[in-house]
């Protein structure tokens, strides 16, 4: 009877090991950058003007807006924003430029990149 239990418990151990292996494989695939749908979303975001590459092309005022949002307003990292977030930041910087010009009569010192 004990031999029979050992055989069954050995099979259970193998099944447990297989389940653990499958689970860790699924976790590594899931945490390795998303998957097919995630990569499509990243590509669409980049095509719309978002993502890390677009962050590199910001002018100094846009970077200043990101700094205020991250450090003062504590809205989290601003280094990989969506296209919508970047459009919002651009509107904020355009507002600042407009108000600066209306108060001083001069253009804002940092050029606006399009």
C-alpha atoms as a PDB file:
ATOM      1  CA  UNK A   1       0.000   0.000   0.000  1.00  0.00           C
ATOM      2  CA  UNK A   2       2.824   2.443   0.850  1.00  0.00           C
ATOM      3  CA  UNK A   3       4.474   1.722  -2.508  1.00  0.00           C
ATOM      4  CA  UNK A   4       1.216   2.573  -4.239  1.00  0.00           C
ATOM      5  CA  UNK A   5       1.013   5.883  -2.331  1.00  0.00           C
ATOM      6  CA  UNK A   6       4.617   6.685  -3.246  1.00  0.00           C
ATOM      7  CA  UNK A   7       3.891   6.084  -6.930  1.00  0.00           C
ATOM      8  CA  UNK A   8       0.811   8.307  -6.771  1.00  0.00           C
ATOM      9  CA  UNK A   9       2.619  11.011  -4.831  1.00  0.00           C
ATOM     10  CA  UNK A  10       5.461  10.882  -7.372  1.00  0.00           C
ATOM     11  CA  UNK A  11       2.965  11.473 -10.170  1.00  0.00           C
ATOM     12  CA  UNK A  12       1.418  14.322  -8.216  1.00  0.00           C
ATOM     13  CA  UNK A  13       4.851  15.885  -7.727  1.00  0.00           C
ATOM     14  CA  UNK A  14       5.526  15.714 -11.464  1.00  0.00           C
ATOM     15  CA  UNK A  15       2.166  17.298 -12.189  1.00  0.00           C
ATOM     16  CA  UNK A  16       2.859  20.036  -9.631  1.00  0.00           C
ATOM     17  CA  UNK A  17       6.270  20.697 -11.196  1.00  0.00           C
ATOM     18  CA  UNK A  18       4.715  20.910 -14.650  1.00  0.00           C
ATOM     19  CA  UNK A  19       2.052  23.338 -13.417  1.00  0.00           C
ATOM     20  CA  UNK A  20       4.706  25.500 -11.749  1.00  0.00           C
ATOM     21  CA  UNK A  21       6.775  25.499 -14.935  1.00  0.00           C
ATOM     22  CA  UNK A  22       3.791  26.503 -17.061  1.00  0.00           C
ATOM     23  CA  UNK A  23       2.828  29.211 -14.568  1.00  0.00           C
ATOM     24  CA  UNK A  24       6.329  30.718 -14.481  1.00  0.00           C
ATOM     25  CA  UNK A  25       6.487  30.625 -18.287  1.00  0.00           C
ATOM     26  CA  UNK A  26       3.181  32.484 -18.525  1.00  0.00           C
ATOM     27  CA  UNK A  27       4.389  35.072 -16.019  1.00  0.00           C
ATOM     28  CA  UNK A  28       7.621  35.663 -17.882  1.00  0.00           C
ATOM     29  CA  UNK A  29       5.765  36.037 -21.169  1.00  0.00           C
ATOM     30  CA  UNK A  30       3.246  38.402 -19.587  1.00  0.00           C
ATOM     31  CA  UNK A  31       5.783  40.617 -17.868  1.00  0.00           C
ATOM     32  CA  UNK A  32       8.199  40.798 -20.771  1.00  0.00           C
ATOM     33  CA  UNK A  33       6.677  43.840 -22.407  1.00  0.00           C
ATOM     34  CA  UNK A  34       3.067  42.866 -22.775  1.00  0.00           C
ATOM     35  CA  UNK A  35       2.137  40.807 -25.723  1.00  0.00           C
ATOM     36  CA  UNK A  36       0.718  41.168 -29.162  1.00  0.00           C
ATOM     37  CA  UNK A  37      -2.056  43.581 -28.185  1.00  0.00           C
ATOM     38  CA  UNK A  38       0.267  45.654 -26.025  1.00  0.00           C
ATOM     39  CA  UNK A  39       2.752  46.071 -28.861  1.00  0.00           C
ATOM     40  CA  UNK A  40      -0.059  47.180 -31.191  1.00  0.00           C
ATOM     41  CA  UNK A  41      -1.147  49.751 -28.607  1.00  0.00           C
ATOM     42  CA  UNK A  42       2.431  51.029 -28.268  1.00  0.00           C
ATOM     43  CA  UNK A  43       2.757  51.369 -32.040  1.00  0.00           C
ATOM     44  CA  UNK A  44      -0.554  53.224 -32.320  1.00  0.00           C
ATOM     45  CA  UNK A  45       0.488  55.549 -29.502  1.00  0.00           C
ATOM     46  CA  UNK A  46       3.814  56.258 -31.221  1.00  0.00           C
ATOM     47  CA  UNK A  47       2.093  56.869 -34.540  1.00  0.00           C
ATOM     48  CA  UNK A  48      -0.264  59.339 -32.844  1.00  0.00           C
ATOM     49  CA  UNK A  49       2.668  61.271 -31.386  1.00  0.00           C
ATOM     50  CA  UNK A  50       3.163  59.664 -27.978  1.00  0.00           C
ATOM     51  CA  UNK A  51       5.807  57.497 -26.381  1.00  0.00           C
ATOM     52  CA  UNK A  52       9.448  57.861 -25.436  1.00  0.00           C
ATOM     53  CA  UNK A  53      10.617  58.979 -28.884  1.00  0.00           C
ATOM     54  CA  UNK A  54       8.163  61.851 -28.894  1.00  0.00           C
ATOM     55  CA  UNK A  55       9.317  62.898 -25.414  1.00  0.00           C
ATOM     56  CA  UNK A  56      12.806  63.435 -26.855  1.00  0.00           C
ATOM     57  CA  UNK A  57      11.431  65.956 -29.359  1.00  0.00           C
ATOM     58  CA  UNK A  58       9.789  68.257 -26.804  1.00  0.00           C
ATOM     59  CA  UNK A  59      10.873  71.867 -26.439  1.00  0.00           C
ATOM     60  CA  UNK A  60      12.107  73.308 -23.135  1.00  0.00           C
ATOM     61  CA  UNK A  61       8.735  74.651 -22.063  1.00  0.00           C
ATOM     62  CA  UNK A  62       7.078  71.244 -22.595  1.00  0.00           C
ATOM     63  CA  UNK A  63       9.855  69.658 -20.536  1.00  0.00           C
ATOM     64  CA  UNK A  64       9.210  72.284 -17.870  1.00  0.00           C
ATOM     65  CA  UNK A  65       5.511  71.380 -17.828  1.00  0.00           C
ATOM     66  CA  UNK A  66       6.492  67.713 -17.416  1.00  0.00           C
ATOM     67  CA  UNK A  67       8.850  68.665 -14.570  1.00  0.00           C
ATOM     68  CA  UNK A  68       6.101  70.545 -12.716  1.00  0.00           C
ATOM     69  CA  UNK A  69       3.654  67.664 -13.192  1.00  0.00           C
ATOM     70  CA  UNK A  70       6.171  65.092 -11.970  1.00  0.00           C
ATOM     71  CA  UNK A  71       7.973  66.879  -9.136  1.00  0.00           C
ATOM     72  CA  UNK A  72       5.479  69.405  -7.800  1.00  0.00           C
ATOM     73  CA  UNK A  73       2.071  67.911  -8.594  1.00  0.00           C
ATOM     74  CA  UNK A  74       3.329  64.319  -8.045  1.00  0.00           C
ATOM     75  CA  UNK A  75       1.567  62.909 -11.115  1.00  0.00           C
ATOM     76  CA  UNK A  76       4.197  60.222 -11.659  1.00  0.00           C
ATOM     77  CA  UNK A  77       6.860  59.767 -14.313  1.00  0.00           C
ATOM     78  CA  UNK A  78       6.373  61.875 -17.417  1.00  0.00           C
ATOM     79  CA  UNK A  79       8.936  60.113 -19.612  1.00  0.00           C
ATOM     80  CA  UNK A  80       6.539  57.880 -21.571  1.00  0.00           C
ATOM     81  CA  UNK A  81       3.285  59.794 -21.948  1.00  0.00           C
ATOM     82  CA  UNK A  82       0.455  58.896 -24.266  1.00  0.00           C
ATOM     83  CA  UNK A  83      -0.345  61.061 -27.273  1.00  0.00           C
ATOM     84  CA  UNK A  84      -3.325  62.504 -25.397  1.00  0.00           C
ATOM     85  CA  UNK A  85      -1.165  63.503 -22.417  1.00  0.00           C
ATOM     86  CA  UNK A  86       1.399  65.104 -24.698  1.00  0.00           C
ATOM     87  CA  UNK A  87      -1.324  67.043 -26.518  1.00  0.00           C
ATOM     88  CA  UNK A  88      -2.577  68.293 -23.140  1.00  0.00           C
ATOM     89  CA  UNK A  89       0.948  69.375 -22.189  1.00  0.00           C
ATOM     90  CA  UNK A  90       1.307  71.175 -25.529  1.00  0.00           C
ATOM     91  CA  UNK A  91      -1.911  73.107 -24.883  1.00  0.00           C
ATOM     92  CA  UNK A  92      -0.612  74.093 -21.439  1.00  0.00           C
ATOM     93  CA  UNK A  93       2.669  75.319 -22.912  1.00  0.00           C
ATOM     94  CA  UNK A  94       0.815  77.210 -25.666  1.00  0.00           C
ATOM     95  CA  UNK A  95      -1.291  78.901 -22.976  1.00  0.00           C
ATOM     96  CA  UNK A  96       1.855  79.890 -21.061  1.00  0.00           C
ATOM     97  CA  UNK A  97       3.433  81.272 -24.258  1.00  0.00           C
ATOM     98  CA  UNK A  98       0.288  83.271 -25.054  1.00  0.00           C
ATOM     99  CA  UNK A  99       0.054  84.752 -21.549  1.00  0.00           C
ATOM    100  CA  UNK A 100       3.790  85.531 -21.499  1.00  0.00           C
ATOM    101  CA  UNK A 101       3.422  87.419 -24.789  1.00  0.00           C
ATOM    102  CA  UNK A 102       0.316  89.303 -23.632  1.00  0.00           C
ATOM    103  CA  UNK A 103       2.033  90.416 -20.400  1.00  0.00           C
ATOM    104  CA  UNK A 104       5.520  91.225 -21.725  1.00  0.00           C
ATOM    105  CA  UNK A 105       4.825  91.927 -25.385  1.00  0.00           C
ATOM    106  CA  UNK A 106       7.701  89.613 -26.325  1.00  0.00           C
ATOM    107  CA  UNK A 107       7.881  86.046 -27.535  1.00  0.00           C
ATOM    108  CA  UNK A 108       8.687  83.331 -24.991  1.00  0.00           C
ATOM    109  CA  UNK A 109      12.488  82.786 -24.926  1.00  0.00           C
ATOM    110  CA  UNK A 110      12.364  79.062 -25.787  1.00  0.00           C
ATOM    111  CA  UNK A 111      11.261  78.267 -29.322  1.00  0.00           C
ATOM    112  CA  UNK A 112       8.192  76.096 -29.852  1.00  0.00           C
ATOM    113  CA  UNK A 113       8.925  72.836 -31.653  1.00  0.00           C
ATOM    114  CA  UNK A 114       6.127  71.582 -33.824  1.00  0.00           C
END
